[in-house]
């Protein structure tokens, strides 16, 4: 955690940013999330599932939602 800076202070600072600056922070946090071992493991599993044919095609989704 940051020394001497509370979560509330960070939130207050974020609320004062411009829309463009908030977007930059959002992109940074998203990129940071993608470097965690949990994210990497989940993504690798999804890729293996797709490669093994365990996925839903666009055509299957369209058929499924046309019936609904």
C-alpha atoms as a PDB file:
ATOM      1  CA  UNK A   1       0.000   0.000   0.000  1.00  0.00           C
ATOM      2  CA  UNK A   2       1.068   3.574  -0.494  1.00  0.00           C
ATOM      3  CA  UNK A   3       2.774   5.173   2.472  1.00  0.00           C
ATOM      4  CA  UNK A   4       0.665   7.842   4.108  1.00  0.00           C
ATOM      5  CA  UNK A   5      -2.066   7.842   1.453  1.00  0.00           C
ATOM      6  CA  UNK A   6      -5.473   6.404   2.264  1.00  0.00           C
ATOM      7  CA  UNK A   7      -7.855   4.806  -0.190  1.00  0.00           C
ATOM      8  CA  UNK A   8     -10.253   7.688   0.497  1.00  0.00           C
ATOM      9  CA  UNK A   9      -7.577  10.202  -0.507  1.00  0.00           C
ATOM     10  CA  UNK A  10      -6.904   8.298  -3.710  1.00  0.00           C
ATOM     11  CA  UNK A  11     -10.629   8.225  -4.516  1.00  0.00           C
ATOM     12  CA  UNK A  12     -10.935  11.942  -3.838  1.00  0.00           C
ATOM     13  CA  UNK A  13      -7.979  12.654  -6.098  1.00  0.00           C
ATOM     14  CA  UNK A  14      -9.452  10.496  -8.847  1.00  0.00           C
ATOM     15  CA  UNK A  15     -12.762  12.328  -8.648  1.00  0.00           C
ATOM     16  CA  UNK A  16     -10.953  15.588  -9.409  1.00  0.00           C
ATOM     17  CA  UNK A  17      -9.368  14.286 -12.613  1.00  0.00           C
ATOM     18  CA  UNK A  18     -10.614  15.194 -16.060  1.00  0.00           C
ATOM     19  CA  UNK A  19     -12.444  12.558 -18.095  1.00  0.00           C
ATOM     20  CA  UNK A  20      -9.294  12.000 -20.165  1.00  0.00           C
ATOM     21  CA  UNK A  21      -7.135  11.534 -17.079  1.00  0.00           C
ATOM     22  CA  UNK A  22      -9.662   9.121 -15.531  1.00  0.00           C
ATOM     23  CA  UNK A  23      -9.582   7.117 -18.759  1.00  0.00           C
ATOM     24  CA  UNK A  24      -5.785   6.938 -18.555  1.00  0.00           C
ATOM     25  CA  UNK A  25      -6.035   5.633 -14.978  1.00  0.00           C
ATOM     26  CA  UNK A  26      -8.682   3.127 -16.073  1.00  0.00           C
ATOM     27  CA  UNK A  27      -6.451   1.830 -18.875  1.00  0.00           C
ATOM     28  CA  UNK A  28      -3.506   1.583 -16.488  1.00  0.00           C
ATOM     29  CA  UNK A  29      -5.515  -0.407 -13.926  1.00  0.00           C
ATOM     30  CA  UNK A  30      -6.794  -2.729 -16.653  1.00  0.00           C
ATOM     31  CA  UNK A  31      -3.253  -3.358 -17.859  1.00  0.00           C
ATOM     32  CA  UNK A  32      -2.108  -3.946 -14.279  1.00  0.00           C
ATOM     33  CA  UNK A  33      -4.855  -6.539 -13.798  1.00  0.00           C
ATOM     34  CA  UNK A  34      -3.693  -8.391 -16.904  1.00  0.00           C
ATOM     35  CA  UNK A  35      -0.288  -9.018 -15.352  1.00  0.00           C
ATOM     36  CA  UNK A  36      -1.567 -11.023 -12.371  1.00  0.00           C
ATOM     37  CA  UNK A  37      -0.970 -14.777 -12.232  1.00  0.00           C
ATOM     38  CA  UNK A  38      -4.709 -15.395 -11.774  1.00  0.00           C
ATOM     39  CA  UNK A  39      -5.572 -13.507 -14.973  1.00  0.00           C
ATOM     40  CA  UNK A  40      -2.808 -15.230 -16.935  1.00  0.00           C
ATOM     41  CA  UNK A  41      -3.933 -18.667 -15.741  1.00  0.00           C
ATOM     42  CA  UNK A  42      -7.604 -18.007 -16.580  1.00  0.00           C
ATOM     43  CA  UNK A  43      -6.687 -16.676 -20.023  1.00  0.00           C
ATOM     44  CA  UNK A  44      -4.467 -19.682 -20.756  1.00  0.00           C
ATOM     45  CA  UNK A  45      -7.352 -21.997 -19.815  1.00  0.00           C
ATOM     46  CA  UNK A  46      -9.759 -20.160 -22.140  1.00  0.00           C
ATOM     47  CA  UNK A  47      -7.246 -20.434 -24.983  1.00  0.00           C
ATOM     48  CA  UNK A  48      -6.781 -24.171 -24.364  1.00  0.00           C
ATOM     49  CA  UNK A  49     -10.577 -24.646 -24.317  1.00  0.00           C
ATOM     50  CA  UNK A  50     -10.959 -22.871 -27.653  1.00  0.00           C
ATOM     51  CA  UNK A  51      -8.116 -24.851 -29.183  1.00  0.00           C
ATOM     52  CA  UNK A  52      -9.741 -28.077 -27.964  1.00  0.00           C
ATOM     53  CA  UNK A  53     -13.047 -27.104 -29.578  1.00  0.00           C
ATOM     54  CA  UNK A  54     -14.784 -26.345 -26.279  1.00  0.00           C
ATOM     55  CA  UNK A  55     -16.236 -23.013 -27.235  1.00  0.00           C
ATOM     56  CA  UNK A  56     -19.413 -21.557 -28.644  1.00  0.00           C
ATOM     57  CA  UNK A  57     -19.392 -20.307 -32.230  1.00  0.00           C
ATOM     58  CA  UNK A  58     -21.057 -17.097 -33.327  1.00  0.00           C
ATOM     59  CA  UNK A  59     -23.585 -19.144 -35.293  1.00  0.00           C
ATOM     60  CA  UNK A  60     -24.501 -21.149 -32.176  1.00  0.00           C
ATOM     61  CA  UNK A  61     -25.033 -17.965 -30.198  1.00  0.00           C
ATOM     62  CA  UNK A  62     -27.172 -16.432 -32.925  1.00  0.00           C
ATOM     63  CA  UNK A  63     -29.325 -19.576 -33.091  1.00  0.00           C
ATOM     64  CA  UNK A  64     -29.669 -19.697 -29.319  1.00  0.00           C
ATOM     65  CA  UNK A  65     -30.757 -16.068 -29.023  1.00  0.00           C
ATOM     66  CA  UNK A  66     -33.095 -16.135 -32.022  1.00  0.00           C
ATOM     67  CA  UNK A  67     -35.177 -18.725 -30.182  1.00  0.00           C
ATOM     68  CA  UNK A  68     -35.395 -16.663 -27.003  1.00  0.00           C
END
